[in-house]
C-alpha atoms as a PDB file:
ATOM      1  CA  UNK A   1       0.030   0.149   0.003  1.00  0.00           C
ATOM      2  CA  UNK A   2       0.841   3.699  -0.237  1.00  0.00           C
ATOM      3  CA  UNK A   3       1.688   3.806   3.469  1.00  0.00           C
ATOM      4  CA  UNK A   4       4.313   1.074   3.124  1.00  0.00           C
ATOM      5  CA  UNK A   5       5.985   3.103   0.441  1.00  0.00           C
ATOM      6  CA  UNK A   6       6.455   6.601   2.010  1.00  0.00           C
ATOM      7  CA  UNK A   7       5.307   6.266   5.496  1.00  0.00           C
ATOM      8  CA  UNK A   8       4.871  10.077   5.695  1.00  0.00           C
ATOM      9  CA  UNK A   9       1.929  10.460   8.201  1.00  0.00           C
ATOM     10  CA  UNK A  10       2.440  14.237   8.322  1.00  0.00           C
ATOM     11  CA  UNK A  11       1.376  14.246   4.741  1.00  0.00           C
ATOM     12  CA  UNK A  12      -0.863  11.186   4.192  1.00  0.00           C
ATOM     13  CA  UNK A  13      -3.171  11.612   7.238  1.00  0.00           C
ATOM     14  CA  UNK A  14      -4.448  15.127   6.483  1.00  0.00           C
ATOM     15  CA  UNK A  15      -4.894  14.374   2.861  1.00  0.00           C
ATOM     16  CA  UNK A  16      -6.964  11.230   3.636  1.00  0.00           C
ATOM     17  CA  UNK A  17      -9.080  13.089   6.210  1.00  0.00           C
ATOM     18  CA  UNK A  18      -9.651  15.732   3.626  1.00  0.00           C
ATOM     19  CA  UNK A  19     -10.804  13.151   1.038  1.00  0.00           C
ATOM     20  CA  UNK A  20     -13.242  11.665   3.665  1.00  0.00           C
ATOM     21  CA  UNK A  21     -14.597  15.108   4.379  1.00  0.00           C
ATOM     22  CA  UNK A  22     -15.276  15.538   0.750  1.00  0.00           C
ATOM     23  CA  UNK A  23     -18.564  14.230  -0.483  1.00  0.00           C
ATOM     24  CA  UNK A  24     -17.519  14.693  -4.081  1.00  0.00           C
ATOM     25  CA  UNK A  25     -14.783  11.993  -3.446  1.00  0.00           C
ATOM     26  CA  UNK A  26     -16.953   9.372  -1.953  1.00  0.00           C
ATOM     27  CA  UNK A  27     -15.559   6.795  -4.468  1.00  0.00           C
ATOM     28  CA  UNK A  28     -12.358   7.071  -2.671  1.00  0.00           C
ATOM     29  CA  UNK A  29     -13.744   6.908   1.024  1.00  0.00           C
ATOM     30  CA  UNK A  30     -13.414   3.166   1.347  1.00  0.00           C
ATOM     31  CA  UNK A  31      -9.604   3.147   0.155  1.00  0.00           C
ATOM     32  CA  UNK A  32      -8.914   6.167   2.413  1.00  0.00           C
ATOM     33  CA  UNK A  33     -10.392   4.667   5.455  1.00  0.00           C
ATOM     34  CA  UNK A  34      -8.589   1.437   5.098  1.00  0.00           C
ATOM     35  CA  UNK A  35      -5.246   3.408   4.439  1.00  0.00           C
ATOM     36  CA  UNK A  36      -5.801   5.296   7.649  1.00  0.00           C
ATOM     37  CA  UNK A  37      -6.174   2.030   9.438  1.00  0.00           C
ATOM     38  CA  UNK A  38      -2.888   0.856   8.015  1.00  0.00           C
ATOM     39  CA  UNK A  39      -1.049   3.971   9.398  1.00  0.00           C
ATOM     40  CA  UNK A  40      -2.076   2.944  12.884  1.00  0.00           C
ATOM     41  CA  UNK A  41      -1.483   5.463  15.688  1.00  0.00           C
ATOM     42  CA  UNK A  42      -0.182   8.037  13.199  1.00  0.00           C
ATOM     43  CA  UNK A  43      -3.940   8.422  12.178  1.00  0.00           C
ATOM     44  CA  UNK A  44      -5.052   9.302  15.947  1.00  0.00           C
ATOM     45  CA  UNK A  45      -6.132  12.605  14.511  1.00  0.00           C
ATOM     46  CA  UNK A  46      -8.631  11.012  12.177  1.00  0.00           C
ATOM     47  CA  UNK A  47     -10.355   8.899  15.042  1.00  0.00           C
ATOM     48  CA  UNK A  48     -13.448  11.211  15.341  1.00  0.00           C
ATOM     49  CA  UNK A  49     -13.867  11.118  11.632  1.00  0.00           C
ATOM     50  CA  UNK A  50     -13.409   7.407  11.563  1.00  0.00           C
ATOM     51  CA  UNK A  51     -16.068   6.931  14.411  1.00  0.00           C
ATOM     52  CA  UNK A  52     -18.560   9.103  12.475  1.00  0.00           C
ATOM     53  CA  UNK A  53     -18.043   6.854   9.528  1.00  0.00           C
ATOM     54  CA  UNK A  54     -18.563   3.774  11.825  1.00  0.00           C
ATOM     55  CA  UNK A  55     -22.014   4.890  13.070  1.00  0.00           C
ATOM     56  CA  UNK A  56     -24.917   2.841  11.854  1.00  0.00           C
ATOM     57  CA  UNK A  57     -27.300   5.727  11.220  1.00  0.00           C
ATOM     58  CA  UNK A  58     -27.192   6.337   7.506  1.00  0.00           C
ATOM     59  CA  UNK A  59     -30.205   6.417   5.465  1.00  0.00           C
ATOM     60  CA  UNK A  60     -30.252   4.517   2.190  1.00  0.00           C
ATOM     61  CA  UNK A  61     -31.384   5.210  -1.354  1.00  0.00           C
ATOM     62  CA  UNK A  62     -31.305   1.863  -2.737  1.00  0.00           C
ATOM     63  CA  UNK A  63     -29.673  -1.566  -2.315  1.00  0.00           C
ATOM     64  CA  UNK A  64     -26.304  -0.621  -3.786  1.00  0.00           C
ATOM     65  CA  UNK A  65     -26.100   2.400  -1.676  1.00  0.00           C
ATOM     66  CA  UNK A  66     -26.847   0.311   1.486  1.00  0.00           C
ATOM     67  CA  UNK A  67     -24.229  -2.166   0.732  1.00  0.00           C
ATOM     68  CA  UNK A  68     -21.535   0.598  -0.074  1.00  0.00           C
ATOM     69  CA  UNK A  69     -22.481   2.414   3.293  1.00  0.00           C
ATOM     70  CA  UNK A  70     -22.307  -1.026   5.125  1.00  0.00           C
ATOM     71  CA  UNK A  71     -18.692  -1.463   3.709  1.00  0.00           C
ATOM     72  CA  UNK A  72     -17.766   2.025   4.730  1.00  0.00           C
ATOM     73  CA  UNK A  73     -18.954   1.457   8.442  1.00  0.00           C
ATOM     74  CA  UNK A  74     -17.339  -1.891   8.542  1.00  0.00           C
ATOM     75  CA  UNK A  75     -14.100  -0.864   7.189  1.00  0.00           C
ATOM     76  CA  UNK A  76     -13.965   2.200   9.539  1.00  0.00           C
ATOM     77  CA  UNK A  77     -14.482  -0.225  12.505  1.00  0.00           C
ATOM     78  CA  UNK A  78     -11.639  -2.214  11.339  1.00  0.00           C
ATOM     79  CA  UNK A  79      -9.392   0.850  10.869  1.00  0.00           C
ATOM     80  CA  UNK A  80     -10.183   1.985  14.497  1.00  0.00           C
ATOM     81  CA  UNK A  81      -9.382  -1.427  15.731  1.00  0.00           C
ATOM     82  CA  UNK A  82      -6.067  -1.344  14.072  1.00  0.00           C
ATOM     83  CA  UNK A  83      -5.255   2.229  15.278  1.00  0.00           C
ATOM     84  CA  UNK A  84      -6.123   1.087  18.920  1.00  0.00           C
ATOM     85  CA  UNK A  85      -4.259  -2.129  18.584  1.00  0.00           C
ATOM     86  CA  UNK A  86      -0.918  -0.658  17.271  1.00  0.00           C
ATOM     87  CA  UNK A  87      -1.328   2.164  19.799  1.00  0.00           C
ATOM     88  CA  UNK A  88      -1.405  -0.485  22.576  1.00  0.00           C
ATOM     89  CA  UNK A  89       1.559  -2.392  20.992  1.00  0.00           C
ATOM     90  CA  UNK A  90      -0.662  -5.393  20.036  1.00  0.00           C
ATOM     91  CA  UNK A  91      -0.065  -5.329  16.124  1.00  0.00           C
END
């Protein structure tokens, strides 16, 4: 992954957080969330945003949208687990 190549959290984390905050880049949200999880504790600033993405209070327009939102929630939950696990030295 990109994180494995450059490991520059000072650049990567704010950029990924910006992607997640931009509804026009929704196609990149799943990838961005997964990458934030891979960065581990370096993504601590993104925890509130990831927690918001992990909430199960979204309304769905159709079946495809529901499936996509479930993927976002599940990936955000996994990212949060990875951040916390590596923070605690359990990775």
